[in-house]
Protein backbone atom coordinates (compact mmCIF):
# COMPACT_ATOMS: atom_id res chain seq x y z
CA MET A 1 -77.11 -55.05 -13.13
CA SER A 2 -75.40 -52.43 -15.28
CA SER A 3 -75.72 -48.66 -15.34
CA PHE A 4 -78.47 -49.07 -17.97
CA GLY A 5 -81.21 -49.50 -15.41
CA ASP A 6 -83.08 -52.76 -15.72
CA MET A 7 -81.87 -53.42 -19.28
CA THR A 8 -78.73 -55.40 -20.06
CA PHE A 9 -76.23 -54.13 -22.60
CA PHE A 10 -77.50 -56.80 -24.99
CA GLU A 11 -81.11 -55.66 -24.54
CA ILE A 12 -80.18 -52.04 -25.21
CA LEU A 13 -78.31 -52.98 -28.40
CA GLN A 14 -81.17 -55.23 -29.50
CA HIS A 15 -83.78 -52.54 -28.85
CA HIS A 16 -81.89 -49.88 -30.77
CA ALA A 17 -81.03 -52.23 -33.64
CA LYS A 18 -84.73 -53.04 -34.09
CA ALA A 19 -85.65 -49.36 -33.82
CA ALA A 20 -82.98 -48.39 -36.38
CA GLN A 21 -84.20 -51.06 -38.79
CA SER A 22 -87.78 -49.86 -38.44
CA GLU A 23 -86.64 -46.28 -38.97
CA LEU A 24 -84.68 -47.31 -42.08
CA LEU A 25 -87.64 -49.16 -43.59
CA ALA A 26 -89.99 -46.24 -42.85
CA GLY A 27 -87.51 -43.81 -44.37
CA MET A 28 -87.15 -45.94 -47.46
CA ALA A 29 -90.94 -46.10 -47.81
CA ALA A 30 -91.03 -42.29 -47.59
CA ARG A 31 -88.44 -42.20 -50.40
CA GLY A 32 -90.75 -44.29 -52.59
CA TYR A 33 -89.36 -47.75 -51.80
CA ASP A 34 -92.40 -49.07 -49.99
CA GLY A 35 -92.52 -52.74 -49.05
CA LEU A 36 -88.78 -53.35 -48.71
CA THR A 37 -87.65 -55.75 -46.02
CA MET A 38 -84.31 -56.01 -44.26
CA PRO A 39 -83.50 -59.22 -46.20
CA ASP A 40 -84.11 -57.25 -49.42
CA ILE A 41 -81.70 -54.55 -48.29
CA ARG A 42 -79.06 -57.04 -47.14
CA LEU A 43 -79.26 -58.91 -50.45
CA CYS A 44 -78.82 -55.69 -52.45
CA HIS A 45 -75.76 -54.85 -50.35
CA ALA A 46 -74.36 -58.34 -50.92
CA CYS A 47 -74.75 -57.85 -54.69
CA HIS A 48 -72.93 -54.51 -54.81
CA ASP A 49 -69.70 -56.03 -56.15
CA GLY A 50 -71.30 -58.74 -58.33
CA PRO A 51 -72.15 -60.61 -60.32
CA HIS A 52 -72.26 -63.46 -57.82
CA PRO A 53 -73.78 -66.94 -57.88
CA VAL A 54 -76.83 -67.38 -55.65
CA LYS A 55 -74.83 -69.87 -53.58
CA THR A 56 -72.16 -67.25 -52.82
CA LEU A 57 -74.80 -64.68 -51.85
CA ALA A 58 -76.50 -67.20 -49.56
CA GLU A 59 -73.18 -67.92 -47.85
CA ARG A 60 -72.43 -64.20 -47.44
CA LEU A 61 -75.84 -63.63 -45.87
CA GLY A 62 -75.90 -66.78 -43.74
CA VAL A 63 -79.16 -68.00 -45.28
CA THR A 64 -80.15 -71.07 -47.25
CA LYS A 65 -79.68 -71.14 -50.99
CA GLN A 66 -83.45 -71.64 -51.34
CA PHE A 67 -84.27 -68.53 -49.29
CA CYS A 68 -81.72 -66.52 -51.24
CA ALA A 69 -83.15 -67.74 -54.57
CA ARG A 70 -86.64 -66.60 -53.49
CA GLU A 71 -85.27 -63.17 -52.49
CA VAL A 72 -83.39 -62.91 -55.80
CA ALA A 73 -86.59 -63.73 -57.70
CA LYS A 74 -88.48 -61.07 -55.73
CA LEU A 75 -85.82 -58.40 -56.27
CA SER A 76 -85.55 -59.36 -59.93
CA GLU A 77 -89.31 -58.90 -60.35
CA LEU A 78 -89.00 -55.48 -58.69
CA GLY A 79 -86.15 -54.58 -61.05
CA PHE A 80 -83.41 -54.21 -58.42
CA VAL A 81 -81.29 -57.15 -59.61
CA GLU A 82 -80.73 -58.96 -62.86
CA THR A 83 -79.79 -62.58 -63.31
CA GLU A 84 -77.64 -64.24 -65.92
CA THR A 85 -76.69 -67.83 -66.55
CA ASP A 86 -73.22 -68.70 -65.32
CA PRO A 87 -71.19 -69.73 -68.39
CA ALA A 88 -69.14 -72.09 -66.22
CA ASP A 89 -72.26 -73.85 -64.89
CA ARG A 90 -75.37 -73.37 -66.99
CA ARG A 91 -77.56 -74.60 -64.13
CA ALA A 92 -76.40 -71.75 -61.87
CA LEU A 93 -77.53 -68.13 -61.92
CA LYS A 94 -75.33 -65.12 -61.29
CA VAL A 95 -76.93 -62.06 -59.74
CA VAL A 96 -75.97 -58.43 -60.36
CA LEU A 97 -77.49 -55.13 -59.29
CA SER A 98 -79.44 -53.33 -61.98
CA ALA A 99 -79.27 -49.55 -62.44
CA LYS A 100 -82.42 -49.35 -60.30
CA GLY A 101 -80.69 -51.48 -57.64
CA ARG A 102 -77.68 -49.14 -57.60
CA GLU A 103 -80.08 -46.21 -57.16
CA LEU A 104 -81.67 -48.10 -54.27
CA LEU A 105 -78.27 -48.55 -52.59
CA GLU A 106 -77.62 -44.81 -52.90
CA ALA A 107 -81.01 -44.08 -51.33
CA ILE A 108 -80.27 -46.55 -48.51
CA LYS A 109 -76.91 -44.87 -47.90
CA ALA A 110 -78.59 -41.45 -47.75
CA GLU A 111 -81.29 -42.70 -45.38
CA LYS A 112 -78.71 -44.33 -43.09
CA GLN A 113 -76.82 -41.04 -42.96
CA ALA A 114 -80.06 -39.20 -42.10
CA ILE A 115 -80.67 -41.67 -39.26
CA ASP A 116 -77.10 -41.22 -38.01
CA ASP A 117 -77.59 -37.45 -38.05
CA ARG A 118 -80.83 -37.69 -36.08
CA MET A 119 -79.21 -39.99 -33.50
CA SER A 120 -76.26 -37.62 -33.19
CA ASP A 121 -78.64 -34.70 -32.70
CA ARG A 122 -80.38 -36.57 -29.87
CA ILE A 123 -77.26 -37.43 -27.86
CA GLY A 124 -74.76 -34.86 -29.14
CA PRO A 125 -71.92 -35.28 -31.62
CA GLU A 126 -69.26 -36.11 -29.01
CA ARG A 127 -71.28 -38.90 -27.42
CA ALA A 128 -72.30 -40.18 -30.86
CA ALA A 129 -68.64 -40.33 -31.95
CA ALA A 130 -67.65 -42.09 -28.71
CA LEU A 131 -70.49 -44.59 -29.15
CA ALA A 132 -69.48 -45.26 -32.77
CA ASP A 133 -65.86 -45.79 -31.67
CA ALA A 134 -66.90 -48.16 -28.87
CA LEU A 135 -69.15 -50.21 -31.15
CA ALA A 136 -66.43 -50.34 -33.83
CA ALA A 137 -63.97 -51.63 -31.21
CA LEU A 138 -66.49 -54.23 -30.09
CA ALA A 139 -67.00 -55.37 -33.71
CA ALA A 140 -63.23 -55.51 -34.31
CA SER A 141 -62.76 -57.74 -31.26
CA GLU A 142 -64.89 -60.56 -32.72
């Protein structure tokens, strides 16, 4: 076993990823964005440099086109994205963030920074920086 007690490295990462997601959703609810899900947030991020066809967004997110279309419809109803017909293929929709969606992304960015700050406060800035470097190196090795 590792120096993490009874938990494997994978289990520690998984635990903290779930905790961070829960903390993000709770923080977003406190900012007035109640009811958001992680798929909602990921889809908004994927739209940041749009417009994009639903098919492209689904590929970016690793989900089915049908799931992505349902999420787009939900976020459109909430006013976070807008859809337009693709002039090259009138059967296809292109998705773009609305002004409200861009505001949401700014709020998400601020909440993520607040979470980072709280984590850094808990373990100290040096350890937080070392952890961020180690995780970035792990991600770069994929």
